[in-house]
Amino acid sequence: MKRKINVAVTGLNAIDSPGPGIAVIRGLREAKSLDVRIIGLAYESLEPGIYMHDLIDKTYQIPYPSAGTDSLMSRLQYIHEVEKLDVIIPNFDAELLPFIKLEKKLMEMGIRTFLPTEKQFDERHKVNLPEFGKKYSIKVPFSKAIYSASEIHGLNHEFTYPLVVKGKYYDAEIAHTPEQAMAYFTKISSKWGLPIIIQQYVKGTEYNSTGLGDGNGNTIAAVPMRKQYITDKGKAWGGISVDDEEIINLTNHFVSTTKWRGGFELELMKNSGNDFYLMEVNPRMPAWIYLSVGVGQNIPEALVRLALGEEVKPYESFAVGKMFVRYSYDMIVDVEEFHKISTFGEL
């Protein structure tokens, strides 16, 4: 018998730079051990997942992280009264810290999460990546945080062009000149704020590894993939699962040394010398997490079971040579549904 539970999921913006929510939900719908009622949590009324009624049973709007934890908690209390939530899975970097801070209060209400600790979340931050690499003996490109556009003129003393200009949460652009770096600084900081991270560009082949740590140093799941098609925003629009022992070893090393708790994604670059550099640690499941389901490791299902306190055995294998190819399609939606979610915050 499958266990019946109610799971709330964020990240429903299935656009050209999609959130992980829909992929996570697809994994939960295919869970062998769980019978899941899905509650969508949306920030905007045009997030496509709101209208995917075959995947999501009901959706509620929630306040932006900038509104503070009190506002979020108040909204979650109302949703919980109606839906009796068992688990919440946040899927955006910017919202993780508020949910981490609310973890104990949510637990008192009977709502489980399975997130990294505040320390884990902070130390893997892009701003702290050089120190993170030193602490855990992982190769990372040289980088530094800057807080003013005036600092760009002095970068050529520490970096060689091209270099990468990154936002503190999202977005990255490759700058070949100081003028381009200045333009990207303005563009990204206006969207995500300061600081901006400057990272030395590493030429090579892009790989990613997604996985799940149990918080005690054990790797429950690990799936590496090579990007096959990358959008102009740097997002993987196609990828293939690969059998690369070095990536698996790096992933296991990351989990065991940090004692990572929850889902994660490691963004890696393999240079011409066959060395892997860690470019970023994303502290949640990626938008391509459904590939893990397709190769035999249902990470969303395993994460929920860990959140519920169940014993979960590590996956021992995955199918190699399986591809994911992302696509877009148009949904036809009654405007009354849009009006309802916009007006009442529920659909």
C-alpha atoms as a PDB file:
ATOM      1  CA  MET A   1       0.000   0.000   0.000  1.00  0.00           C
ATOM      2  CA  LYS A   2       1.279   3.454  -0.908  1.00  0.00           C
ATOM      3  CA  ARG A   3       1.466   5.992   1.900  1.00  0.00           C
ATOM      4  CA  LYS A   4      -0.963   8.896   1.340  1.00  0.00           C
ATOM      5  CA  ILE A   5       0.572  12.315   1.980  1.00  0.00           C
ATOM      6  CA  ASN A   6       0.107  15.975   1.073  1.00  0.00           C
ATOM      7  CA  VAL A   7       3.198  17.665  -0.368  1.00  0.00           C
ATOM      8  CA  ALA A   8       3.540  21.377  -1.166  1.00  0.00           C
ATOM      9  CA  VAL A   9       5.997  22.311  -3.918  1.00  0.00           C
ATOM     10  CA  THR A  10       7.329  25.682  -5.110  1.00  0.00           C
ATOM     11  CA  GLY A  11       9.075  26.545  -8.374  1.00  0.00           C
ATOM     12  CA  LEU A  12       6.160  26.316 -10.798  1.00  0.00           C
ATOM     13  CA  ASN A  13       7.572  28.750 -13.364  1.00  0.00           C
ATOM     14  CA  ALA A  14       8.121  26.328 -16.252  1.00  0.00           C
ATOM     15  CA  ILE A  15       9.492  29.013 -18.599  1.00  0.00           C
ATOM     16  CA  ASP A  16      12.697  29.304 -20.672  1.00  0.00           C
ATOM     17  CA  SER A  17      14.666  29.374 -17.402  1.00  0.00           C
ATOM     18  CA  PRO A  18      12.454  26.916 -15.544  1.00  0.00           C
ATOM     19  CA  GLY A  19      12.139  26.305 -11.855  1.00  0.00           C
ATOM     20  CA  PRO A  20      12.516  22.710 -10.618  1.00  0.00           C
ATOM     21  CA  GLY A  21       8.950  22.445  -9.333  1.00  0.00           C
ATOM     22  CA  ILE A  22       7.262  20.706 -12.257  1.00  0.00           C
ATOM     23  CA  ALA A  23      10.091  18.178 -12.612  1.00  0.00           C
ATOM     24  CA  VAL A  24       9.949  17.461  -8.868  1.00  0.00           C
ATOM     25  CA  ILE A  25       6.183  16.957  -9.074  1.00  0.00           C
ATOM     26  CA  ARG A  26       6.527  14.566 -12.013  1.00  0.00           C
ATOM     27  CA  GLY A  27       8.930  12.502  -9.930  1.00  0.00           C
ATOM     28  CA  LEU A  28       6.498  12.430  -7.001  1.00  0.00           C
ATOM     29  CA  ARG A  29       3.648  11.405  -9.285  1.00  0.00           C
ATOM     30  CA  GLU A  30       5.721   8.383 -10.309  1.00  0.00           C
ATOM     31  CA  ALA A  31       6.748   7.456  -6.755  1.00  0.00           C
ATOM     32  CA  LYS A  32       6.375   3.759  -6.045  1.00  0.00           C
ATOM     33  CA  SER A  33       5.998   4.175  -2.283  1.00  0.00           C
ATOM     34  CA  LEU A  34       3.873   7.327  -2.052  1.00  0.00           C
ATOM     35  CA  ASP A  35       0.344   8.365  -3.026  1.00  0.00           C
ATOM     36  CA  VAL A  36       0.815  12.127  -3.212  1.00  0.00           C
ATOM     37  CA  ARG A  37      -1.628  15.007  -3.275  1.00  0.00           C
ATOM     38  CA  ILE A  38       0.277  17.947  -4.732  1.00  0.00           C
ATOM     39  CA  ILE A  39      -0.222  21.492  -3.456  1.00  0.00           C
ATOM     40  CA  GLY A  40       1.455  24.104  -5.642  1.00  0.00           C
ATOM     41  CA  LEU A  41       2.932  27.240  -4.047  1.00  0.00           C
ATOM     42  CA  ALA A  42       3.264  30.091  -6.547  1.00  0.00           C
ATOM     43  CA  TYR A  43       4.547  33.649  -6.386  1.00  0.00           C
ATOM     44  CA  GLU A  44       2.941  34.989  -9.568  1.00  0.00           C
ATOM     45  CA  SER A  45      -0.392  34.252 -11.206  1.00  0.00           C
ATOM     46  CA  LEU A  46       1.178  33.433 -14.575  1.00  0.00           C
ATOM     47  CA  GLU A  47       3.422  30.606 -13.409  1.00  0.00           C
ATOM     48  CA  PRO A  48       2.484  27.822 -15.874  1.00  0.00           C
ATOM     49  CA  GLY A  49       2.400  25.082 -13.249  1.00  0.00           C
ATOM     50  CA  ILE A  50      -0.670  26.691 -11.666  1.00  0.00           C
ATOM     51  CA  TYR A  51      -2.731  25.580 -14.656  1.00  0.00           C
ATOM     52  CA  MET A  52      -1.316  22.049 -15.003  1.00  0.00           C
ATOM     53  CA  HIS A  53      -4.245  20.371 -13.270  1.00  0.00           C
ATOM     54  CA  ASP A  54      -3.089  16.883 -14.226  1.00  0.00           C
ATOM     55  CA  LEU A  55      -0.012  17.420 -12.051  1.00  0.00           C
ATOM     56  CA  ILE A  56      -1.141  19.828  -9.327  1.00  0.00           C
ATOM     57  CA  ASP A  57      -4.296  19.336  -7.273  1.00  0.00           C
ATOM     58  CA  LYS A  58      -4.508  22.879  -5.902  1.00  0.00           C
ATOM     59  CA  THR A  59      -2.342  25.997  -5.948  1.00  0.00           C
ATOM     60  CA  TYR A  60      -1.934  28.838  -3.439  1.00  0.00           C
ATOM     61  CA  GLN A  61      -0.043  32.074  -3.883  1.00  0.00           C
ATOM     62  CA  ILE A  62       2.559  32.799  -1.234  1.00  0.00           C
ATOM     63  CA  PRO A  63       4.428  36.049  -0.459  1.00  0.00           C
ATOM     64  CA  TYR A  64       7.867  36.739  -1.928  1.00  0.00           C
ATOM     65  CA  PRO A  65      10.847  35.945   0.340  1.00  0.00           C
ATOM     66  CA  SER A  66      11.485  39.681   0.637  1.00  0.00           C
ATOM     67  CA  ALA A  67       8.221  39.981   2.607  1.00  0.00           C
ATOM     68  CA  GLY A  68       9.865  38.238   5.558  1.00  0.00           C
ATOM     69  CA  THR A  69       9.375  34.999   7.466  1.00  0.00           C
ATOM     70  CA  ASP A  70       6.374  36.244   9.488  1.00  0.00           C
ATOM     71  CA  SER A  71       4.361  36.897   6.347  1.00  0.00           C
ATOM     72  CA  LEU A  72       5.359  33.523   4.887  1.00  0.00           C
ATOM     73  CA  MET A  73       4.544  31.692   8.111  1.00  0.00           C
ATOM     74  CA  SER A  74       1.119  33.298   8.337  1.00  0.00           C
ATOM     75  CA  ARG A  75       0.278  32.186   4.815  1.00  0.00           C
ATOM     76  CA  LEU A  76       1.579  28.661   5.388  1.00  0.00           C
ATOM     77  CA  GLN A  77      -0.524  28.346   8.547  1.00  0.00           C
ATOM     78  CA  TYR A  78      -3.651  29.149   6.547  1.00  0.00           C
ATOM     79  CA  ILE A  79      -2.733  26.667   3.789  1.00  0.00           C
ATOM     80  CA  HIS A  80      -1.966  23.995   6.385  1.00  0.00           C
ATOM     81  CA  GLU A  81      -5.343  24.458   8.054  1.00  0.00           C
ATOM     82  CA  VAL A  82      -7.019  23.681   4.735  1.00  0.00           C
ATOM     83  CA  GLU A  83      -4.682  21.089   3.252  1.00  0.00           C
ATOM     84  CA  LYS A  84      -3.026  19.384   6.265  1.00  0.00           C
ATOM     85  CA  LEU A  85       0.436  19.479   4.716  1.00  0.00           C
ATOM     86  CA  ASP A  86       2.933  16.721   5.482  1.00  0.00           C
ATOM     87  CA  VAL A  87       5.972  17.987   3.566  1.00  0.00           C
ATOM     88  CA  ILE A  88       7.067  21.214   1.860  1.00  0.00           C
ATOM     89  CA  ILE A  89       9.723  21.191  -0.886  1.00  0.00           C
ATOM     90  CA  PRO A  90      11.082  24.689  -1.670  1.00  0.00           C
ATOM     91  CA  ASN A  91      12.918  24.827  -5.012  1.00  0.00           C
ATOM     92  CA  PHE A  92      14.354  28.347  -5.359  1.00  0.00           C
ATOM     93  CA  ASP A  93      17.683  29.473  -3.909  1.00  0.00           C
ATOM     94  CA  ALA A  94      16.214  32.815  -2.779  1.00  0.00           C
ATOM     95  CA  GLU A  95      13.450  31.180  -0.725  1.00  0.00           C
ATOM     96  CA  LEU A  96      15.512  28.488   0.966  1.00  0.00           C
ATOM     97  CA  LEU A  97      16.847  30.589   3.831  1.00  0.00           C
ATOM     98  CA  PRO A  98      13.374  31.668   5.036  1.00  0.00           C
ATOM     99  CA  PHE A  99      12.222  28.034   4.953  1.00  0.00           C
ATOM    100  CA  ILE A 100      15.382  26.923   6.769  1.00  0.00           C
ATOM    101  CA  LYS A 101      14.714  29.513   9.477  1.00  0.00           C
ATOM    102  CA  LEU A 102      11.100  28.296   9.799  1.00  0.00           C
ATOM    103  CA  GLU A 103      11.990  24.599   9.919  1.00  0.00           C
ATOM    104  CA  LYS A 104      11.413  24.161  13.670  1.00  0.00           C
ATOM    105  CA  LYS A 105       8.101  26.059  13.640  1.00  0.00           C
ATOM    106  CA  LEU A 106       6.920  24.029  10.669  1.00  0.00           C
ATOM    107  CA  MET A 107       7.915  20.826  12.447  1.00  0.00           C
ATOM    108  CA  GLU A 108       5.819  21.855  15.449  1.00  0.00           C
ATOM    109  CA  MET A 109       2.852  22.160  13.076  1.00  0.00           C
ATOM    110  CA  GLY A 110       3.525  18.674  11.715  1.00  0.00           C
ATOM    111  CA  ILE A 111       5.085  19.885   8.449  1.00  0.00           C
ATOM    112  CA  ARG A 112       8.409  18.342   7.465  1.00  0.00           C
ATOM    113  CA  THR A 113      11.151  19.708   5.237  1.00  0.00           C
ATOM    114  CA  PHE A 114      14.532  18.234   4.305  1.00  0.00           C
ATOM    115  CA  LEU A 115      16.837  21.159   3.710  1.00  0.00           C
ATOM    116  CA  PRO A 116      20.514  21.976   4.226  1.00  0.00           C
ATOM    117  CA  THR A 117      21.458  23.626   7.475  1.00  0.00           C
ATOM    118  CA  GLU A 118      21.925  27.391   7.554  1.00  0.00           C
ATOM    119  CA  LYS A 119      25.681  26.842   7.812  1.00  0.00           C
ATOM    120  CA  GLN A 120      25.719  24.563   4.766  1.00  0.00           C
ATOM    121  CA  PHE A 121      23.594  27.035   2.831  1.00  0.00           C
ATOM    122  CA  ASP A 122      25.893  29.958   3.646  1.00  0.00           C
ATOM    123  CA  GLU A 123      29.309  28.387   3.157  1.00  0.00           C
ATOM    124  CA  ARG A 124      28.580  27.065  -0.348  1.00  0.00           C
ATOM    125  CA  HIS A 125      27.365  30.492  -1.472  1.00  0.00           C
ATOM    126  CA  LYS A 126      29.029  31.883  -4.590  1.00  0.00           C
ATOM    127  CA  VAL A 127      30.636  34.635  -2.501  1.00  0.00           C
ATOM    128  CA  ASN A 128      32.238  32.015  -0.261  1.00  0.00           C
ATOM    129  CA  LEU A 129      33.174  29.464  -2.932  1.00  0.00           C
ATOM    130  CA  PRO A 130      36.986  30.003  -2.755  1.00  0.00           C
ATOM    131  CA  GLU A 131      36.980  29.323   1.000  1.00  0.00           C
ATOM    132  CA  PHE A 132      34.587  26.415   0.457  1.00  0.00           C
ATOM    133  CA  GLY A 133      36.996  24.843  -2.035  1.00  0.00           C
ATOM    134  CA  LYS A 134      39.940  25.183   0.364  1.00  0.00           C
ATOM    135  CA  LYS A 135      38.003  23.800   3.316  1.00  0.00           C
ATOM    136  CA  TYR A 136      36.749  20.713   1.498  1.00  0.00           C
ATOM    137  CA  SER A 137      39.688  20.172  -0.905  1.00  0.00           C
ATOM    138  CA  ILE A 138      37.677  20.779  -4.073  1.00  0.00           C
ATOM    139  CA  LYS A 139      39.083  22.644  -7.070  1.00  0.00           C
ATOM    140  CA  VAL A 140      37.235  25.902  -7.762  1.00  0.00           C
ATOM    141  CA  PRO A 141      38.061  28.775 -10.145  1.00  0.00           C
ATOM    142  CA  PHE A 142      39.480  31.944  -8.616  1.00  0.00           C
ATOM    143  CA  SER A 143      36.667  34.394  -7.839  1.00  0.00           C
ATOM    144  CA  LYS A 144      35.864  37.462  -5.789  1.00  0.00           C
ATOM    145  CA  ALA A 145      32.808  39.508  -4.856  1.00  0.00           C
ATOM    146  CA  ILE A 146      32.539  43.136  -5.903  1.00  0.00           C
ATOM    147  CA  TYR A 147      30.100  45.754  -4.692  1.00  0.00           C
ATOM    148  CA  SER A 148      30.712  48.643  -7.094  1.00  0.00           C
ATOM    149  CA  ALA A 149      31.084  49.001 -10.841  1.00  0.00           C
ATOM    150  CA  SER A 150      34.196  51.080 -10.187  1.00  0.00           C
ATOM    151  CA  GLU A 151      35.988  47.885  -9.091  1.00  0.00           C
ATOM    152  CA  ILE A 152      35.755  46.451 -12.621  1.00  0.00           C
ATOM    153  CA  HIS A 153      38.632  48.594 -13.928  1.00  0.00           C
ATOM    154  CA  GLY A 154      41.048  46.918 -11.527  1.00  0.00           C
ATOM    155  CA  LEU A 155      40.029  43.354 -12.303  1.00  0.00           C
ATOM    156  CA  ASN A 156      42.754  42.902 -14.927  1.00  0.00           C
ATOM    157  CA  HIS A 157      45.292  42.847 -12.068  1.00  0.00           C
ATOM    158  CA  GLU A 158      43.728  39.627 -10.731  1.00  0.00           C
ATOM    159  CA  PHE A 159      41.882  38.095 -13.679  1.00  0.00           C
ATOM    160  CA  THR A 160      42.464  37.498 -17.371  1.00  0.00           C
ATOM    161  CA  TYR A 161      39.638  38.031 -19.825  1.00  0.00           C
ATOM    162  CA  PRO A 162      37.265  36.418 -20.549  1.00  0.00           C
ATOM    163  CA  LEU A 163      35.763  36.245 -17.079  1.00  0.00           C
ATOM    164  CA  VAL A 164      32.339  35.338 -15.739  1.00  0.00           C
ATOM    165  CA  VAL A 165      30.001  37.894 -14.135  1.00  0.00           C
ATOM    166  CA  LYS A 166      27.512  36.191 -11.800  1.00  0.00           C
ATOM    167  CA  GLY A 167      24.509  37.257  -9.757  1.00  0.00           C
ATOM    168  CA  LYS A 168      24.358  36.190  -6.116  1.00  0.00           C
ATOM    169  CA  TYR A 169      21.353  33.946  -6.815  1.00  0.00           C
ATOM    170  CA  TYR A 170      21.001  33.522 -10.580  1.00  0.00           C
ATOM    171  CA  ASP A 171      22.327  34.678 -13.961  1.00  0.00           C
ATOM    172  CA  ALA A 172      25.831  34.508 -15.357  1.00  0.00           C
ATOM    173  CA  GLU A 173      27.419  36.192 -18.362  1.00  0.00           C
ATOM    174  CA  ILE A 174      30.844  35.786 -19.987  1.00  0.00           C
ATOM    175  CA  ALA A 175      32.583  39.138 -20.408  1.00  0.00           C
ATOM    176  CA  HIS A 176      35.435  39.493 -22.913  1.00  0.00           C
ATOM    177  CA  THR A 177      36.150  43.150 -22.173  1.00  0.00           C
ATOM    178  CA  PRO A 178      35.829  45.561 -19.224  1.00  0.00           C
ATOM    179  CA  GLU A 179      33.011  47.295 -21.085  1.00  0.00           C
ATOM    180  CA  GLN A 180      31.041  44.043 -21.277  1.00  0.00           C
ATOM    181  CA  ALA A 181      31.760  43.337 -17.609  1.00  0.00           C
ATOM    182  CA  MET A 182      30.413  46.793 -16.726  1.00  0.00           C
ATOM    183  CA  ALA A 183      27.229  46.199 -18.733  1.00  0.00           C
ATOM    184  CA  TYR A 184      26.646  42.777 -17.152  1.00  0.00           C
ATOM    185  CA  PHE A 185      27.332  44.179 -13.674  1.00  0.00           C
ATOM    186  CA  THR A 186      24.575  46.752 -14.172  1.00  0.00           C
ATOM    187  CA  LYS A 187      22.153  44.262 -15.714  1.00  0.00           C
ATOM    188  CA  ILE A 188      22.549  41.508 -13.116  1.00  0.00           C
ATOM    189  CA  SER A 189      22.834  43.725 -10.021  1.00  0.00           C
ATOM    190  CA  SER A 190      19.634  45.565 -10.973  1.00  0.00           C
ATOM    191  CA  LYS A 191      17.834  42.226 -10.926  1.00  0.00           C
ATOM    192  CA  TRP A 192      19.446  40.342  -8.029  1.00  0.00           C
ATOM    193  CA  GLY A 193      21.239  43.028  -6.018  1.00  0.00           C
ATOM    194  CA  LEU A 194      24.785  43.047  -4.680  1.00  0.00           C
ATOM    195  CA  PRO A 195      27.353  41.628  -4.485  1.00  0.00           C
ATOM    196  CA  ILE A 196      28.272  40.556  -7.991  1.00  0.00           C
ATOM    197  CA  ILE A 197      30.678  37.626  -8.213  1.00  0.00           C
ATOM    198  CA  ILE A 198      33.557  37.780 -10.678  1.00  0.00           C
ATOM    199  CA  GLN A 199      34.897  34.326 -11.549  1.00  0.00           C
ATOM    200  CA  GLN A 200      37.825  33.327 -13.738  1.00  0.00           C
ATOM    201  CA  TYR A 201      36.523  31.724 -16.928  1.00  0.00           C
ATOM    202  CA  VAL A 202      37.409  28.049 -17.354  1.00  0.00           C
ATOM    203  CA  LYS A 203      37.170  26.736 -20.899  1.00  0.00           C
ATOM    204  CA  GLY A 204      35.967  23.170 -21.184  1.00  0.00           C
ATOM    205  CA  THR A 205      32.977  20.828 -21.216  1.00  0.00           C
ATOM    206  CA  GLU A 206      30.073  21.427 -18.850  1.00  0.00           C
ATOM    207  CA  TYR A 207      28.867  18.652 -16.586  1.00  0.00           C
ATOM    208  CA  ASN A 208      26.357  18.602 -13.763  1.00  0.00           C
ATOM    209  CA  SER A 209      25.751  16.201 -10.928  1.00  0.00           C
ATOM    210  CA  THR A 210      22.565  16.056  -8.912  1.00  0.00           C
ATOM    211  CA  GLY A 211      22.127  14.060  -5.767  1.00  0.00           C
ATOM    212  CA  LEU A 212      20.752  13.664  -2.271  1.00  0.00           C
ATOM    213  CA  GLY A 213      22.591  13.637   1.051  1.00  0.00           C
ATOM    214  CA  ASP A 214      21.111  12.262   4.260  1.00  0.00           C
ATOM    215  CA  GLY A 215      22.780  14.812   6.542  1.00  0.00           C
ATOM    216  CA  ASN A 216      25.140  12.227   8.045  1.00  0.00           C
ATOM    217  CA  GLY A 217      27.657  12.094   5.202  1.00  0.00           C
ATOM    218  CA  ASN A 218      25.936   9.387   3.176  1.00  0.00           C
ATOM    219  CA  THR A 219      25.074   9.795  -0.508  1.00  0.00           C
ATOM    220  CA  ILE A 220      21.551   8.476  -1.099  1.00  0.00           C
ATOM    221  CA  ALA A 221      21.537   9.297  -4.804  1.00  0.00           C
ATOM    222  CA  ALA A 222      23.923  10.692  -7.403  1.00  0.00           C
ATOM    223  CA  VAL A 223      23.310  11.202 -11.124  1.00  0.00           C
ATOM    224  CA  PRO A 224      25.905  12.910 -13.354  1.00  0.00           C
ATOM    225  CA  MET A 225      25.072  14.290 -16.785  1.00  0.00           C
ATOM    226  CA  ARG A 226      26.822  16.086 -19.621  1.00  0.00           C
ATOM    227  CA  LYS A 227      25.073  19.102 -21.075  1.00  0.00           C
ATOM    228  CA  GLN A 228      24.119  18.520 -24.706  1.00  0.00           C
ATOM    229  CA  TYR A 229      22.320  21.765 -25.456  1.00  0.00           C
ATOM    230  CA  ILE A 230      22.668  25.028 -23.556  1.00  0.00           C
ATOM    231  CA  THR A 231      20.397  28.063 -23.901  1.00  0.00           C
ATOM    232  CA  ASP A 232      21.594  31.645 -24.131  1.00  0.00           C
ATOM    233  CA  LYS A 233      20.866  31.859 -20.388  1.00  0.00           C
ATOM    234  CA  GLY A 234      23.255  28.999 -19.699  1.00  0.00           C
ATOM    235  CA  LYS A 235      20.477  26.533 -18.887  1.00  0.00           C
ATOM    236  CA  ALA A 236      20.659  22.892 -19.952  1.00  0.00           C
ATOM    237  CA  TRP A 237      17.942  22.258 -22.524  1.00  0.00           C
ATOM    238  CA  GLY A 238      19.250  18.771 -23.177  1.00  0.00           C
ATOM    239  CA  GLY A 239      21.618  16.433 -21.378  1.00  0.00           C
ATOM    240  CA  ILE A 240      22.729  12.803 -21.191  1.00  0.00           C
ATOM    241  CA  SER A 241      23.489  10.634 -18.180  1.00  0.00           C
ATOM    242  CA  VAL A 242      27.138   9.604 -18.116  1.00  0.00           C
ATOM    243  CA  ASP A 243      29.160   6.968 -16.318  1.00  0.00           C
ATOM    244  CA  ASP A 244      32.023   9.084 -15.017  1.00  0.00           C
ATOM    245  CA  GLU A 245      33.721   7.667 -11.953  1.00  0.00           C
ATOM    246  CA  GLU A 246      35.528  10.930 -11.220  1.00  0.00           C
ATOM    247  CA  ILE A 247      32.248  12.875 -11.023  1.00  0.00           C
ATOM    248  CA  ILE A 248      30.704  10.214  -8.789  1.00  0.00           C
ATOM    249  CA  ASN A 249      33.753  10.311  -6.522  1.00  0.00           C
ATOM    250  CA  LEU A 250      33.630  14.110  -6.408  1.00  0.00           C
ATOM    251  CA  THR A 251      29.917  13.997  -5.554  1.00  0.00           C
ATOM    252  CA  ASN A 252      30.474  11.449  -2.783  1.00  0.00           C
ATOM    253  CA  HIS A 253      33.375  13.545  -1.461  1.00  0.00           C
ATOM    254  CA  PHE A 254      31.169  16.642  -1.405  1.00  0.00           C
ATOM    255  CA  VAL A 255      28.432  14.847   0.544  1.00  0.00           C
ATOM    256  CA  SER A 256      30.726  13.076   2.992  1.00  0.00           C
ATOM    257  CA  THR A 257      32.884  16.103   3.861  1.00  0.00           C
ATOM    258  CA  THR A 258      30.051  18.628   4.136  1.00  0.00           C
ATOM    259  CA  LYS A 259      27.531  16.110   5.551  1.00  0.00           C
ATOM    260  CA  TRP A 260      25.095  17.669   3.104  1.00  0.00           C
ATOM    261  CA  ARG A 261      21.424  17.423   3.973  1.00  0.00           C
ATOM    262  CA  GLY A 262      18.889  17.452   1.139  1.00  0.00           C
ATOM    263  CA  GLY A 263      19.004  17.751  -2.619  1.00  0.00           C
ATOM    264  CA  PHE A 264      21.758  19.544  -4.507  1.00  0.00           C
ATOM    265  CA  GLU A 265      23.323  20.204  -7.884  1.00  0.00           C
ATOM    266  CA  LEU A 266      27.047  20.536  -8.573  1.00  0.00           C
ATOM    267  CA  GLU A 267      27.923  22.577 -11.669  1.00  0.00           C
ATOM    268  CA  LEU A 268      31.245  21.341 -13.021  1.00  0.00           C
ATOM    269  CA  MET A 269      33.646  22.240 -15.809  1.00  0.00           C
ATOM    270  CA  LYS A 270      36.154  19.745 -17.227  1.00  0.00           C
ATOM    271  CA  ASN A 271      39.117  21.600 -18.725  1.00  0.00           C
ATOM    272  CA  SER A 272      41.562  20.509 -21.430  1.00  0.00           C
ATOM    273  CA  GLY A 273      43.739  18.873 -18.780  1.00  0.00           C
ATOM    274  CA  ASN A 274      40.787  16.647 -17.719  1.00  0.00           C
ATOM    275  CA  ASP A 275      40.536  18.409 -14.360  1.00  0.00           C
ATOM    276  CA  PHE A 276      37.094  19.065 -12.914  1.00  0.00           C
ATOM    277  CA  TYR A 277      36.408  22.486 -11.412  1.00  0.00           C
ATOM    278  CA  LEU A 278      33.400  23.157  -9.201  1.00  0.00           C
ATOM    279  CA  MET A 279      31.693  26.258 -10.582  1.00  0.00           C
ATOM    280  CA  GLU A 280      28.662  26.370  -8.272  1.00  0.00           C
ATOM    281  CA  VAL A 281      26.787  24.411  -5.620  1.00  0.00           C
ATOM    282  CA  ASN A 282      23.038  24.819  -5.983  1.00  0.00           C
ATOM    283  CA  PRO A 283      21.449  23.901  -2.628  1.00  0.00           C
ATOM    284  CA  ARG A 284      18.329  22.235  -4.046  1.00  0.00           C
ATOM    285  CA  MET A 285      17.204  19.900  -6.806  1.00  0.00           C
ATOM    286  CA  PRO A 286      17.795  21.248 -10.346  1.00  0.00           C
ATOM    287  CA  ALA A 287      15.233  21.819 -13.089  1.00  0.00           C
ATOM    288  CA  TRP A 288      16.501  18.664 -14.846  1.00  0.00           C
ATOM    289  CA  ILE A 289      15.855  16.471 -11.778  1.00  0.00           C
ATOM    290  CA  TYR A 290      13.365  14.365 -13.768  1.00  0.00           C
ATOM    291  CA  LEU A 291      16.352  12.799 -15.548  1.00  0.00           C
ATOM    292  CA  SER A 292      17.190  11.133 -12.215  1.00  0.00           C
ATOM    293  CA  VAL A 293      13.747   9.522 -12.278  1.00  0.00           C
ATOM    294  CA  GLY A 294      14.277   8.424 -15.866  1.00  0.00           C
ATOM    295  CA  VAL A 295      17.555   6.674 -15.041  1.00  0.00           C
ATOM    296  CA  GLY A 296      16.239   4.845 -11.996  1.00  0.00           C
ATOM    297  CA  GLN A 297      16.926   7.180  -9.057  1.00  0.00           C
ATOM    298  CA  ASN A 298      13.749   8.973  -8.006  1.00  0.00           C
ATOM    299  CA  ILE A 299      15.396  11.693  -5.944  1.00  0.00           C
ATOM    300  CA  PRO A 300      12.166  13.630  -5.199  1.00  0.00           C
ATOM    301  CA  GLU A 301      10.585  10.468  -3.764  1.00  0.00           C
ATOM    302  CA  ALA A 302      13.666   9.670  -1.690  1.00  0.00           C
ATOM    303  CA  LEU A 303      13.837  13.238  -0.357  1.00  0.00           C
ATOM    304  CA  VAL A 304      10.217  13.125   0.817  1.00  0.00           C
ATOM    305  CA  ARG A 305      10.794   9.780   2.534  1.00  0.00           C
ATOM    306  CA  LEU A 306      13.827  11.204   4.356  1.00  0.00           C
ATOM    307  CA  ALA A 307      11.751  14.221   5.389  1.00  0.00           C
ATOM    308  CA  LEU A 308       9.166  11.836   6.852  1.00  0.00           C
ATOM    309  CA  GLY A 309      11.871  10.139   8.915  1.00  0.00           C
ATOM    310  CA  GLU A 310      11.903   6.902   6.937  1.00  0.00           C
ATOM    311  CA  GLU A 311      15.018   4.841   6.338  1.00  0.00           C
ATOM    312  CA  VAL A 312      16.119   5.191   2.731  1.00  0.00           C
ATOM    313  CA  LYS A 313      18.767   2.926   1.252  1.00  0.00           C
ATOM    314  CA  PRO A 314      21.239   4.501  -1.191  1.00  0.00           C
ATOM    315  CA  TYR A 315      20.660   3.886  -4.877  1.00  0.00           C
ATOM    316  CA  GLU A 316      23.393   1.649  -6.237  1.00  0.00           C
ATOM    317  CA  SER A 317      23.142   2.219  -9.985  1.00  0.00           C
ATOM    318  CA  PHE A 318      21.553   4.295 -12.746  1.00  0.00           C
ATOM    319  CA  ALA A 319      20.993   3.905 -16.487  1.00  0.00           C
ATOM    320  CA  VAL A 320      23.746   5.439 -18.612  1.00  0.00           C
ATOM    321  CA  GLY A 321      23.070   7.041 -21.982  1.00  0.00           C
ATOM    322  CA  LYS A 322      19.578   8.306 -21.176  1.00  0.00           C
ATOM    323  CA  MET A 323      18.862  11.776 -22.529  1.00  0.00           C
ATOM    324  CA  PHE A 324      16.478  14.477 -21.497  1.00  0.00           C
ATOM    325  CA  VAL A 325      15.312  16.959 -24.118  1.00  0.00           C
ATOM    326  CA  ARG A 326      13.285  19.891 -22.826  1.00  0.00           C
ATOM    327  CA  TYR A 327      10.434  21.324 -24.883  1.00  0.00           C
ATOM    328  CA  SER A 328       7.795  24.052 -24.734  1.00  0.00           C
ATOM    329  CA  TYR A 329       4.096  23.870 -25.542  1.00  0.00           C
ATOM    330  CA  ASP A 330       1.098  26.144 -25.278  1.00  0.00           C
ATOM    331  CA  MET A 331      -1.670  25.505 -22.762  1.00  0.00           C
ATOM    332  CA  ILE A 332      -5.156  26.851 -23.352  1.00  0.00           C
ATOM    333  CA  VAL A 333      -6.440  28.270 -20.085  1.00  0.00           C
ATOM    334  CA  ASP A 334      -9.795  29.807 -19.207  1.00  0.00           C
ATOM    335  CA  VAL A 335      -9.237  33.439 -18.220  1.00  0.00           C
ATOM    336  CA  GLU A 336     -11.533  32.863 -15.243  1.00  0.00           C
ATOM    337  CA  GLU A 337      -8.854  30.659 -13.716  1.00  0.00           C
ATOM    338  CA  PHE A 338      -6.326  33.466 -14.088  1.00  0.00           C
ATOM    339  CA  HIS A 339      -8.762  35.902 -12.464  1.00  0.00           C
ATOM    340  CA  LYS A 340      -9.395  33.481  -9.604  1.00  0.00           C
ATOM    341  CA  ILE A 341      -5.739  32.950  -8.685  1.00  0.00           C
ATOM    342  CA  SER A 342      -5.035  36.667  -9.132  1.00  0.00           C
ATOM    343  CA  THR A 343      -7.974  37.750  -6.964  1.00  0.00           C
ATOM    344  CA  PHE A 344      -8.231  35.066  -4.297  1.00  0.00           C
ATOM    345  CA  GLY A 345      -4.732  33.588  -4.324  1.00  0.00           C
ATOM    346  CA  GLU A 346      -6.075  30.056  -4.753  1.00  0.00           C
ATOM    347  CA  LEU A 347      -6.954  27.777  -7.628  1.00  0.00           C
END
